[in-house]
Amino acid sequence: MQSTHISDFRPASAHPASAEAGRQRQGRLWSNLREVCDLLHIPTTNIPPTDELLFQHVQFKAGQRVHTIGQTFDALFVVNSGFLKTVLIDEFGNEQVLSFPMKGDMMGVDGIHTRHYASEAVALSDCDVILLPFRKLAALGRAHTELENLLYGVMSRELVREQTMIGMLGALSAEARVARFLVNLADRFAAMGYSSKLFNLRMTRHEIGSYLGLTLETVSRTLSAFNEVGLISVDQRTIGIKDAEALKNLRRLPPSRSRSRQRARAEAATTAASPVPQLATA
């Protein structure tokens, strides 16, 4: 798979930028600091007017690597569009999914400590990613303390999200883990302006299992069970959320026999409540 290094995308000197978002220069897309902050949900009230400072967009195809484990750290990455996964890979090639970054998420923070990325970021769909050269960010932070604090807040937000997931894995049943995953995913889609009731999973069931500490079979079986009891609808990778509140509060599903009896009673009640068709008379 192809990986992309920040040194491959050094901005050339150019004329003053226009005030348009997503401006083009030398055939590439760029964003200014205020646009990057908007994407990261950072307040821009006190952001210094640095329209001349631009950050380059880079596009990745599904399957391409944004950065690899051990690669020299020189940039952070902000997802502008698309879906990715970050993973750890052991000596035997086994993959542990750490997160599923999407629009507004920052990646590459794990490279700050050792100056080498500790994880790998892989595109799950075609993606547009903004490169934030770390030296440039550090210089901005030294000049503008408030901006530095806001960027630290973004990094902390990513860590809190990971810690929340770790806590969830230790405290919840397999069914509750899958339920929370679907609810969180629906909330993320809603925040991006998409439907929270009907969406496509960009990740495989195996990748969901790796993320949640479950087997592929458990994830598939749980999704089928949710579909069976009417919490969701499943059509391959398309998920329809029918009862978000029940998913959010779910602790454990009843045994399959009990679910079958409940479904039979519900179907019988529906049939009994249906009006009996009348025969037409001459």
Protein backbone atom coordinates (compact mmCIF):
# COMPACT_ATOMS: atom_id res chain seq x y z
CA MET A 1 0.00 0.00 0.00
CA GLN A 2 1.12 3.54 -0.68
CA SER A 3 2.08 5.89 2.12
CA THR A 4 2.48 9.65 1.83
CA HIS A 5 5.16 11.70 3.55
CA ILE A 6 4.82 15.36 4.40
CA SER A 7 8.11 16.18 2.63
CA ASP A 8 6.45 15.20 -0.65
CA PHE A 9 4.10 18.20 -0.26
CA ARG A 10 6.20 21.24 0.59
CA PRO A 11 4.33 24.42 -0.41
CA ALA A 12 6.16 26.58 -2.92
CA SER A 13 6.31 30.34 -2.48
CA ALA A 14 3.24 31.93 -3.94
CA HIS A 15 1.28 35.15 -4.23
CA PRO A 16 -1.08 36.28 -1.42
CA ALA A 17 -4.02 33.91 -1.10
CA SER A 18 -7.56 34.84 -1.89
CA ALA A 19 -10.14 34.82 0.89
CA GLU A 20 -12.01 31.90 -0.70
CA ALA A 21 -12.21 28.64 1.24
CA GLY A 22 -10.70 25.64 -0.47
CA ARG A 23 -8.54 27.74 -2.76
CA GLN A 24 -6.45 26.21 -5.51
CA ARG A 25 -2.72 26.75 -5.93
CA GLN A 26 -0.51 24.86 -8.36
CA GLY A 27 -3.31 22.36 -8.88
CA ARG A 28 -3.71 21.57 -5.17
CA LEU A 29 -6.32 22.47 -2.58
CA TRP A 30 -5.39 24.61 0.45
CA SER A 31 -7.15 25.94 3.57
CA ASN A 32 -6.22 28.81 5.84
CA LEU A 33 -5.90 28.59 9.63
CA ARG A 34 -9.43 29.79 10.33
CA GLU A 35 -10.89 27.10 8.05
CA VAL A 36 -8.81 24.42 9.76
CA CYS A 37 -10.01 25.65 13.16
CA ASP A 38 -13.64 25.55 12.00
CA LEU A 39 -13.12 21.96 10.91
CA LEU A 40 -11.66 21.08 14.32
CA HIS A 41 -14.52 22.92 16.10
CA ILE A 42 -12.08 25.38 17.63
CA PRO A 43 -13.50 28.87 18.42
CA THR A 44 -12.12 31.31 15.87
CA THR A 45 -13.00 34.53 17.70
CA ASN A 46 -9.43 35.18 18.80
CA ILE A 47 -7.62 33.37 15.99
CA PRO A 48 -4.92 35.65 14.53
CA PRO A 49 -5.61 36.92 10.98
CA THR A 50 -3.21 34.66 9.07
CA ASP A 51 -4.95 34.17 5.72
CA GLU A 52 -1.55 34.06 4.08
CA LEU A 53 -0.73 30.89 6.06
CA LEU A 54 -2.14 27.93 4.14
CA PHE A 55 -2.33 24.21 4.84
CA GLN A 56 -2.36 21.74 2.01
CA HIS A 57 -5.01 19.11 1.30
CA VAL A 58 -3.94 15.64 0.13
CA GLN A 59 -6.29 13.05 -1.34
CA PHE A 60 -6.06 9.33 -0.61
CA LYS A 61 -7.81 6.42 -2.27
CA ALA A 62 -9.44 3.63 -0.25
CA GLY A 63 -6.70 1.32 1.00
CA GLN A 64 -3.89 3.89 0.90
CA ARG A 65 -1.92 4.66 4.04
CA VAL A 66 -1.71 8.23 5.32
CA HIS A 67 1.17 7.34 7.64
CA THR A 68 2.78 4.08 8.76
CA ILE A 69 4.13 2.73 12.06
CA GLY A 70 7.69 3.92 12.62
CA GLN A 71 7.53 6.64 9.95
CA THR A 72 9.26 9.86 10.99
CA PHE A 73 6.78 12.25 12.59
CA ASP A 74 6.59 15.66 10.94
CA ALA A 75 2.87 16.49 10.69
CA LEU A 76 -0.56 16.10 12.19
CA PHE A 77 -3.51 15.33 9.93
CA VAL A 78 -7.09 16.63 9.97
CA VAL A 79 -9.80 14.69 8.13
CA ASN A 80 -11.73 16.98 5.79
CA SER A 81 -13.82 14.24 4.19
CA GLY A 82 -13.92 10.46 4.04
CA PHE A 83 -13.41 7.66 6.56
CA LEU A 84 -10.24 6.03 7.89
CA LYS A 85 -9.02 3.60 10.50
CA THR A 86 -5.96 3.77 12.74
CA VAL A 87 -4.36 0.47 13.68
CA LEU A 88 -1.54 -1.19 15.58
CA ILE A 89 0.13 -4.17 13.88
CA ASP A 90 2.05 -6.80 15.86
CA GLU A 91 5.08 -8.81 14.72
CA PHE A 92 2.82 -11.48 13.24
CA GLY A 93 0.87 -8.99 11.15
CA ASN A 94 -2.24 -9.04 13.36
CA GLU A 95 -4.16 -5.77 13.29
CA GLN A 96 -5.76 -4.00 16.24
CA VAL A 97 -8.11 -1.18 15.25
CA LEU A 98 -7.74 1.86 17.50
CA SER A 99 -10.19 4.33 15.97
CA PHE A 100 -12.26 5.26 12.92
CA PRO A 101 -11.38 8.90 12.16
CA MET A 102 -13.82 10.93 10.11
CA LYS A 103 -14.48 14.59 9.29
CA GLY A 104 -13.07 16.95 11.92
CA ASP A 105 -10.84 14.37 13.61
CA MET A 106 -7.11 14.86 14.12
CA MET A 107 -4.63 12.04 13.51
CA GLY A 108 -0.93 11.55 14.17
CA VAL A 109 -0.83 12.78 17.78
CA ASP A 110 0.88 9.52 18.84
CA GLY A 111 3.98 10.57 16.90
CA ILE A 112 4.77 13.59 19.06
CA HIS A 113 6.45 11.69 21.91
CA THR A 114 9.07 9.64 20.03
CA ARG A 115 9.00 11.64 16.75
CA HIS A 116 7.81 8.47 15.01
CA TYR A 117 4.20 7.46 14.40
CA ALA A 118 3.15 4.66 16.75
CA SER A 119 0.13 3.63 14.65
CA GLU A 120 -0.90 3.39 11.03
CA ALA A 121 -3.71 5.37 9.39
CA VAL A 122 -5.47 3.72 6.44
CA ALA A 123 -8.21 5.18 4.23
CA LEU A 124 -11.45 3.16 4.27
CA SER A 125 -12.90 5.35 1.50
CA ASP A 126 -11.61 8.09 -0.75
CA CYS A 127 -10.43 10.80 1.66
CA ASP A 128 -9.34 14.41 1.73
CA VAL A 129 -6.86 15.12 4.54
CA ILE A 130 -5.28 18.43 5.57
CA LEU A 131 -1.60 18.34 6.51
CA LEU A 132 -0.48 20.38 9.52
CA PRO A 133 3.34 20.52 9.59
CA PHE A 134 4.28 20.27 13.25
CA ARG A 135 7.07 22.85 13.10
CA LYS A 136 4.64 25.36 11.65
CA LEU A 137 2.10 24.59 14.41
CA ALA A 138 4.74 24.88 17.12
CA ALA A 139 5.84 28.27 15.81
CA LEU A 140 2.21 29.45 15.73
CA GLY A 141 1.73 28.21 19.29
CA ARG A 142 4.75 30.13 20.54
CA ALA A 143 3.44 33.29 18.91
CA HIS A 144 -0.19 32.82 19.93
CA THR A 145 -0.61 31.11 23.33
CA GLU A 146 -4.40 30.90 23.10
CA LEU A 147 -4.19 29.01 19.82
CA GLU A 148 -1.69 26.61 21.35
CA ASN A 149 -4.08 25.89 24.24
CA LEU A 150 -6.94 25.26 21.80
CA LEU A 151 -4.82 22.79 19.83
CA TYR A 152 -3.92 20.99 23.06
CA GLY A 153 -7.64 20.81 23.73
CA VAL A 154 -8.21 19.05 20.40
CA MET A 155 -5.49 16.50 21.20
CA SER A 156 -6.99 15.94 24.64
CA ARG A 157 -10.41 15.40 23.06
CA GLU A 158 -8.99 12.57 20.94
CA LEU A 159 -7.41 10.95 24.02
CA VAL A 160 -10.63 11.21 26.02
CA ARG A 161 -12.51 9.48 23.21
CA GLU A 162 -10.02 6.60 23.27
CA GLN A 163 -10.19 6.34 27.07
CA THR A 164 -13.98 6.24 26.92
CA MET A 165 -13.77 3.33 24.50
CA ILE A 166 -11.31 1.45 26.73
CA GLY A 167 -13.62 1.90 29.71
CA MET A 168 -16.58 0.69 27.67
CA LEU A 169 -14.77 -2.49 26.61
CA GLY A 170 -14.18 -3.49 30.19
CA ALA A 171 -17.64 -2.70 31.54
CA LEU A 172 -20.19 -3.71 28.90
CA SER A 173 -21.50 -6.91 27.40
CA ALA A 174 -20.82 -7.72 23.74
CA GLU A 175 -24.34 -6.63 22.75
CA ALA A 176 -24.01 -3.35 24.65
CA ARG A 177 -20.65 -2.63 22.99
CA VAL A 178 -22.13 -3.03 19.51
CA ALA A 179 -25.17 -0.97 20.51
CA ARG A 180 -23.01 1.91 21.83
CA PHE A 181 -20.87 1.75 18.71
CA LEU A 182 -23.93 2.18 16.47
CA VAL A 183 -25.31 5.02 18.61
CA ASN A 184 -21.98 6.85 18.63
CA LEU A 185 -21.62 6.40 14.90
CA ALA A 186 -25.14 7.74 14.34
CA ASP A 187 -24.33 10.77 16.51
CA ARG A 188 -21.15 11.42 14.52
CA PHE A 189 -23.07 11.28 11.24
CA ALA A 190 -25.67 13.69 12.63
CA ALA A 191 -22.93 16.12 13.69
CA MET A 192 -21.60 16.09 10.13
CA GLY A 193 -25.04 16.86 8.72
CA TYR A 194 -25.85 13.34 7.51
CA SER A 195 -28.74 11.09 8.48
CA SER A 196 -28.43 9.46 11.89
CA LYS A 197 -31.22 7.01 11.02
CA LEU A 198 -29.83 5.43 7.86
CA PHE A 199 -26.15 5.13 6.96
CA ASN A 200 -23.55 2.85 5.42
CA LEU A 201 -20.82 1.23 7.48
CA ARG A 202 -17.48 2.09 5.89
CA MET A 203 -15.72 -0.50 8.02
CA THR A 204 -16.08 -4.29 7.85
CA ARG A 205 -17.59 -6.37 10.63
CA HIS A 206 -14.12 -7.76 11.27
CA GLU A 207 -12.79 -4.21 11.78
CA ILE A 208 -15.69 -3.38 14.10
CA GLY A 209 -14.89 -6.52 16.09
CA SER A 210 -11.22 -5.58 16.36
CA TYR A 211 -12.20 -2.12 17.59
CA LEU A 212 -14.69 -3.47 20.16
CA GLY A 213 -12.64 -6.48 21.29
CA LEU A 214 -15.11 -8.95 19.73
CA THR A 215 -14.94 -11.64 17.08
CA LEU A 216 -16.35 -11.19 13.60
CA GLU A 217 -18.96 -13.86 14.39
CA THR A 218 -20.10 -12.04 17.55
CA VAL A 219 -20.52 -8.74 15.70
CA SER A 220 -22.49 -10.39 12.87
CA ARG A 221 -24.66 -12.36 15.29
CA THR A 222 -25.38 -9.27 17.40
CA LEU A 223 -26.37 -7.15 14.39
CA SER A 224 -28.70 -9.95 13.27
CA ALA A 225 -30.21 -10.10 16.76
CA PHE A 226 -30.76 -6.32 16.80
CA ASN A 227 -32.49 -6.65 13.45
CA GLU A 228 -34.60 -9.53 14.77
CA VAL A 229 -35.94 -7.58 17.75
CA GLY A 230 -36.56 -4.44 15.71
CA LEU A 231 -33.83 -2.17 17.08
CA ILE A 232 -32.20 -1.75 13.67
CA SER A 233 -32.56 -2.86 10.08
CA VAL A 234 -29.59 -4.45 8.32
CA ASP A 235 -28.99 -4.69 4.58
CA GLN A 236 -25.36 -5.75 4.14
CA ARG A 237 -23.46 -2.57 5.13
CA THR A 238 -26.55 -0.34 5.32
CA ILE A 239 -27.81 0.19 8.87
CA GLY A 240 -31.18 1.71 9.75
CA ILE A 241 -31.59 2.87 13.36
CA LYS A 242 -35.15 2.16 14.51
CA ASP A 243 -34.87 2.67 18.29
CA ALA A 244 -31.85 4.76 19.22
CA GLU A 245 -32.96 5.17 22.84
CA ALA A 246 -33.25 1.42 23.36
CA LEU A 247 -29.81 0.91 21.82
CA LYS A 248 -28.34 3.58 24.08
CA ASN A 249 -29.74 1.93 27.22
CA LEU A 250 -29.24 -1.69 26.19
CA ARG A 251 -27.35 -3.89 28.64
CA ARG A 252 -28.00 -7.36 27.29
CA LEU A 253 -30.44 -8.98 24.88
CA PRO A 254 -32.75 -11.76 26.09
CA PRO A 255 -31.85 -15.33 24.99
CA SER A 256 -32.75 -16.27 21.41
CA ARG A 257 -35.67 -18.48 22.51
CA SER A 258 -37.20 -15.63 24.46
CA ARG A 259 -36.73 -13.33 21.49
CA SER A 260 -38.52 -15.84 19.25
CA ARG A 261 -41.47 -16.03 21.66
CA GLN A 262 -41.60 -12.24 21.92
CA ARG A 263 -41.59 -11.91 18.15
CA ALA A 264 -44.33 -14.53 17.79
CA ARG A 265 -46.51 -12.74 20.37
CA ALA A 266 -45.93 -9.40 18.64
CA GLU A 267 -46.86 -10.87 15.26
CA ALA A 268 -49.97 -12.49 16.73
CA ALA A 269 -51.02 -9.22 18.34
CA THR A 270 -50.54 -7.39 15.06
CA THR A 271 -52.60 -9.98 13.21
CA ALA A 272 -55.41 -9.84 15.80
CA ALA A 273 -55.54 -6.07 15.62
CA SER A 274 -55.81 -6.03 11.84
CA PRO A 275 -59.37 -5.52 10.49
CA VAL A 276 -60.95 -8.60 8.90
CA PRO A 277 -61.59 -7.92 5.21
CA GLN A 278 -65.28 -7.93 4.28
CA LEU A 279 -66.58 -9.81 1.26
CA ALA A 280 -68.30 -7.65 -1.30
CA THR A 281 -72.00 -8.34 -1.68
CA ALA A 282 -74.12 -7.86 -4.73
